[in-house]
Amino acid sequence: MTPLAVPTCLVLVRHGESVGNIAATRAERERALRVDVATRDADTPLSERGREQARALGTWLADLPADERPEVVWCSPYVRARQTAELAMEVAGLDLPVRLDERLRDRELGVLDRLTWRGVQELHPLEAERRHHLGKMYHRPPGGESWADVALRVRSALGDLQPRDAGRRVLVVVHDAVVMLLRYVLEELTEDELMTIIRERSVRNASLTRLDRADDAWLLTAFDEVEHLAELDAPITEHEGTADTGG
């Protein structure tokens, strides 16, 4: 059988810290019901620390040997992801095609949007019960998506990305849930394996996760690495947001 034409490696980056991340963390700390963010999710920008993280990512990219630098960028169309990619490319001095793809956007929460977990329990108790019964993977809030729904669009995006950029090194700038689900799809994980990873750690802002193609399979060679931030004294931030938002 002819080997599948795919990229040589995928470097997955979660966007830098956003003002939404900060607001969600503050809301959880203050035991609030709602997250105080004025913009719609798609328009939420980076915080100043997030911009610093994006610039540090750019410095790291500039320091890579020429044969290790990305050759193309795929990116969520959400502002925080686009700003991360644009700032990183500017600092790195790389003029690369950036393919925006709405299938790489963050998970949509429907009626639970901008609610903390406390808010979900108090304002939508029946949804909280459904979430407990169905679990993270398959609970779909009204008007929103389950993690399985996001996995379906991730599979669709990969169906275009892999043949289009076969043989190239690809940088993918997305959201923490999407990073996790890219791993789920590419490594062919089970639901239990994915949930074990999620329980153990989140994906930090501007962190690097790398998968290399080897022996007709995807091999995880780095996950949630932030050494490139630490080396430049850029802030290292971990925001899980509300219970299932990602971000």
Protein backbone atom coordinates (compact mmCIF):
# COMPACT_ATOMS: atom_id res chain seq x y z
CA MET A 1 0.00 0.00 0.00
CA THR A 2 1.25 3.50 -0.84
CA PRO A 3 2.12 5.48 2.33
CA LEU A 4 -0.24 8.35 3.15
CA ALA A 5 1.08 11.71 1.97
CA VAL A 6 1.31 13.79 5.17
CA PRO A 7 3.45 16.52 6.77
CA THR A 8 6.75 15.50 8.32
CA CYS A 9 5.86 17.12 11.63
CA LEU A 10 3.12 19.13 13.31
CA VAL A 11 3.98 21.68 16.01
CA LEU A 12 0.83 22.55 17.95
CA VAL A 13 0.76 25.86 19.84
CA ARG A 14 -1.92 27.04 22.19
CA HIS A 15 -2.50 30.78 21.80
CA GLY A 16 -0.96 33.17 24.32
CA GLU A 17 -2.84 34.29 27.39
CA SER A 18 -6.06 36.12 26.45
CA VAL A 19 -8.09 38.68 28.35
CA GLY A 20 -10.78 35.99 28.46
CA ASN A 21 -8.41 33.58 30.21
CA ILE A 22 -7.72 36.21 32.86
CA ALA A 23 -11.41 37.00 33.32
CA ALA A 24 -12.37 33.32 33.61
CA THR A 25 -9.68 32.63 36.20
CA ARG A 26 -10.73 35.71 38.17
CA ALA A 27 -14.38 34.64 38.06
CA GLU A 28 -13.55 31.17 39.38
CA ARG A 29 -11.39 32.67 42.15
CA GLU A 30 -14.16 35.07 43.16
CA ARG A 31 -16.79 32.30 42.98
CA ALA A 32 -18.76 34.35 40.46
CA LEU A 33 -21.50 32.90 38.27
CA ARG A 34 -20.43 34.64 35.07
CA VAL A 35 -17.19 35.55 33.34
CA ASP A 36 -16.93 39.29 32.75
CA VAL A 37 -15.87 39.50 29.08
CA ALA A 38 -17.40 42.09 26.76
CA THR A 39 -16.34 40.59 23.43
CA ARG A 40 -17.73 37.52 21.77
CA ASP A 41 -15.39 34.53 22.07
CA ALA A 42 -14.12 34.85 18.50
CA ASP A 43 -13.03 38.46 19.11
CA THR A 44 -11.32 38.08 22.50
CA PRO A 45 -7.72 39.38 22.14
CA LEU A 46 -4.45 38.54 23.81
CA SER A 47 -3.51 40.12 27.11
CA GLU A 48 -0.22 41.98 27.35
CA ARG A 49 1.35 38.85 28.87
CA GLY A 50 -0.09 36.88 25.96
CA ARG A 51 1.57 39.23 23.49
CA GLU A 52 4.85 38.78 25.33
CA GLN A 53 4.44 35.00 25.08
CA ALA A 54 3.76 35.26 21.34
CA ARG A 55 6.90 37.33 20.84
CA ALA A 56 8.91 34.75 22.80
CA LEU A 57 7.51 32.07 20.51
CA GLY A 58 8.74 34.12 17.57
CA THR A 59 12.23 34.36 19.04
CA TRP A 60 12.28 30.59 19.50
CA LEU A 61 11.23 30.08 15.88
CA ALA A 62 13.92 32.47 14.64
CA ASP A 63 16.58 30.52 16.53
CA LEU A 64 15.64 27.18 14.97
CA PRO A 65 17.92 25.79 12.25
CA ALA A 66 16.53 26.51 8.80
CA ASP A 67 15.69 22.84 8.24
CA GLU A 68 13.56 22.76 11.42
CA ARG A 69 11.52 25.92 10.98
CA PRO A 70 7.87 25.62 9.99
CA GLU A 71 7.05 26.00 6.32
CA VAL A 72 3.36 26.80 6.67
CA VAL A 73 0.98 27.88 9.44
CA TRP A 74 -2.59 26.68 10.06
CA CYS A 75 -4.52 28.76 12.54
CA SER A 76 -7.86 29.15 14.26
CA PRO A 77 -9.59 32.30 12.98
CA TYR A 78 -10.24 33.50 16.55
CA VAL A 79 -8.45 36.76 17.31
CA ARG A 80 -6.29 35.42 20.14
CA ALA A 81 -4.92 32.65 17.92
CA ARG A 82 -4.40 34.93 14.93
CA GLN A 83 -2.56 37.49 17.07
CA THR A 84 -0.32 34.76 18.46
CA ALA A 85 0.59 33.55 14.98
CA GLU A 86 1.04 37.05 13.54
CA LEU A 87 3.25 38.31 16.37
CA ALA A 88 5.36 35.15 16.32
CA MET A 89 5.86 35.35 12.54
CA GLU A 90 6.75 39.05 12.75
CA VAL A 91 9.38 38.52 15.45
CA ALA A 92 10.77 35.43 13.71
CA GLY A 93 11.03 37.28 10.41
CA LEU A 94 9.14 34.49 8.66
CA ASP A 95 6.90 35.25 5.71
CA LEU A 96 4.78 32.11 5.72
CA PRO A 97 1.31 31.40 4.38
CA VAL A 98 -1.19 31.38 7.26
CA ARG A 99 -4.21 29.23 6.54
CA LEU A 100 -7.17 30.28 8.72
CA ASP A 101 -9.64 27.45 9.20
CA GLU A 102 -12.85 27.76 11.23
CA ARG A 103 -12.74 24.02 11.93
CA LEU A 104 -9.83 24.77 14.27
CA ARG A 105 -11.81 27.24 16.39
CA ASP A 106 -12.40 26.75 20.11
CA ARG A 107 -15.29 24.67 21.41
CA GLU A 108 -18.65 26.45 21.38
CA LEU A 109 -20.54 26.34 24.69
CA GLY A 110 -24.01 27.49 23.63
CA VAL A 111 -26.18 28.46 26.60
CA LEU A 112 -23.27 27.86 28.97
CA ASP A 113 -21.06 30.46 27.30
CA ARG A 114 -19.37 32.85 29.79
CA LEU A 115 -20.59 30.85 32.81
CA THR A 116 -18.31 29.46 35.48
CA TRP A 117 -18.97 25.91 36.69
CA ARG A 118 -20.70 27.42 39.71
CA GLY A 119 -22.86 29.42 37.30
CA VAL A 120 -23.75 26.28 35.34
CA GLN A 121 -24.79 24.49 38.53
CA GLU A 122 -26.93 27.38 39.78
CA LEU A 123 -28.44 28.64 36.52
CA HIS A 124 -28.67 25.39 34.56
CA PRO A 125 -28.85 22.57 37.14
CA LEU A 126 -30.34 20.08 34.67
CA GLU A 127 -27.42 20.67 32.30
CA ALA A 128 -25.02 20.13 35.18
CA GLU A 129 -26.70 16.77 35.82
CA ARG A 130 -26.54 15.85 32.12
CA ARG A 131 -22.85 16.82 32.06
CA HIS A 132 -22.18 14.60 35.06
CA HIS A 133 -24.04 11.68 33.47
CA LEU A 134 -22.63 11.96 29.92
CA GLY A 135 -19.12 13.08 30.76
CA LYS A 136 -16.89 15.67 29.09
CA MET A 137 -16.57 13.80 25.79
CA TYR A 138 -20.23 13.53 24.88
CA HIS A 139 -22.09 16.28 26.74
CA ARG A 140 -23.40 18.82 24.24
CA PRO A 141 -24.89 21.94 25.88
CA PRO A 142 -27.89 23.44 24.05
CA GLY A 143 -26.57 25.49 21.15
CA GLY A 144 -23.03 24.25 21.77
CA GLU A 145 -20.68 21.38 21.04
CA SER A 146 -19.44 18.27 22.79
CA TRP A 147 -15.77 17.37 22.67
CA ALA A 148 -16.77 14.64 20.21
CA ASP A 149 -18.28 17.32 17.95
CA VAL A 150 -14.98 19.22 17.97
CA ALA A 151 -13.11 15.98 17.23
CA LEU A 152 -15.23 15.55 14.10
CA ARG A 153 -14.27 18.96 12.72
CA VAL A 154 -10.63 18.38 13.69
CA ARG A 155 -10.71 15.18 11.63
CA SER A 156 -12.17 17.15 8.73
CA ALA A 157 -9.49 19.84 8.96
CA LEU A 158 -6.73 17.23 9.07
CA GLY A 159 -8.24 15.62 5.98
CA ASP A 160 -7.39 18.84 4.10
CA LEU A 161 -4.20 19.79 5.94
CA GLN A 162 -2.34 16.52 5.57
CA PRO A 163 -2.42 16.10 1.78
CA ARG A 164 -2.18 19.83 1.08
CA ASP A 165 1.02 20.22 3.11
CA ALA A 166 2.48 16.75 2.67
CA GLY A 167 6.22 16.67 3.29
CA ARG A 168 6.23 20.03 5.09
CA ARG A 169 6.76 21.13 8.66
CA VAL A 170 3.50 22.67 9.86
CA LEU A 171 2.83 25.04 12.76
CA VAL A 172 -0.76 24.84 14.07
CA VAL A 173 -1.93 27.68 16.36
CA VAL A 174 -5.12 26.79 18.18
CA HIS A 175 -6.82 26.37 21.59
CA ASP A 176 -6.16 23.97 24.46
CA ALA A 177 -9.16 21.72 23.74
CA VAL A 178 -8.14 21.57 20.08
CA VAL A 179 -4.55 20.65 20.99
CA MET A 180 -5.91 17.80 23.11
CA LEU A 181 -8.26 16.63 20.36
CA LEU A 182 -5.55 16.78 17.71
CA ARG A 183 -3.61 14.41 19.92
CA TYR A 184 -6.73 12.26 20.33
CA VAL A 185 -7.18 11.95 16.57
CA LEU A 186 -3.56 11.69 15.45
CA GLU A 187 -2.44 9.27 18.17
CA GLU A 188 -5.67 7.28 17.90
CA LEU A 189 -6.35 7.58 21.62
CA THR A 190 -9.39 6.17 23.37
CA GLU A 191 -11.80 8.33 25.35
CA ASP A 192 -10.33 6.99 28.60
CA GLU A 193 -6.77 7.74 27.49
CA LEU A 194 -7.71 11.28 26.49
CA MET A 195 -9.53 11.96 29.75
CA THR A 196 -6.58 10.64 31.76
CA ILE A 197 -4.29 13.15 30.01
CA ILE A 198 -6.78 15.98 30.62
CA ARG A 199 -7.07 15.12 34.32
CA GLU A 200 -3.29 15.13 34.70
CA ARG A 201 -2.58 18.49 33.08
CA SER A 202 -3.92 21.32 30.98
CA VAL A 203 -2.23 22.96 28.00
CA ARG A 204 -0.43 26.12 29.02
CA ASN A 205 -0.54 29.34 27.02
CA ALA A 206 1.94 29.47 24.11
CA SER A 207 3.17 25.96 24.94
CA LEU A 208 4.56 23.61 22.28
CA THR A 209 3.29 20.13 21.48
CA ARG A 210 5.01 18.25 18.67
CA LEU A 211 4.10 15.16 16.68
CA ASP A 212 6.49 13.63 14.16
CA ARG A 213 5.60 11.24 11.39
CA ALA A 214 7.50 7.96 11.76
CA ASP A 215 6.79 4.45 10.44
CA ASP A 216 3.42 5.52 9.01
CA ALA A 217 2.20 6.77 12.41
CA TRP A 218 2.23 9.99 14.43
CA LEU A 219 4.66 9.97 17.35
CA LEU A 220 4.33 12.47 20.21
CA THR A 221 7.78 13.95 20.84
CA ALA A 222 6.85 16.96 23.01
CA PHE A 223 3.79 17.97 25.00
CA ASP A 224 2.96 21.28 26.68
CA GLU A 225 6.59 22.43 26.66
CA VAL A 226 7.29 25.99 27.85
CA GLU A 227 11.09 26.04 28.01
CA HIS A 228 11.15 28.56 25.17
CA LEU A 229 9.20 30.96 27.40
CA ALA A 230 11.32 30.35 30.49
CA GLU A 231 14.56 30.95 28.58
CA LEU A 232 13.36 34.44 27.61
CA ASP A 233 11.78 35.20 31.00
CA ALA A 234 8.36 35.35 29.35
CA PRO A 235 5.45 34.65 31.72
CA ILE A 236 4.25 31.06 32.00
CA THR A 237 0.50 31.00 32.51
CA GLU A 238 -1.95 28.16 33.03
CA HIS A 239 -5.60 28.99 32.55
CA GLU A 240 -8.13 26.22 32.39
CA GLY A 241 -10.95 28.76 32.22
CA THR A 242 -14.40 27.53 33.13
CA ALA A 243 -15.16 23.86 33.56
CA ASP A 244 -15.21 22.86 29.88
CA THR A 245 -14.34 25.97 27.93
CA GLY A 246 -10.81 25.25 26.90
CA GLY A 247 -9.74 28.64 25.60
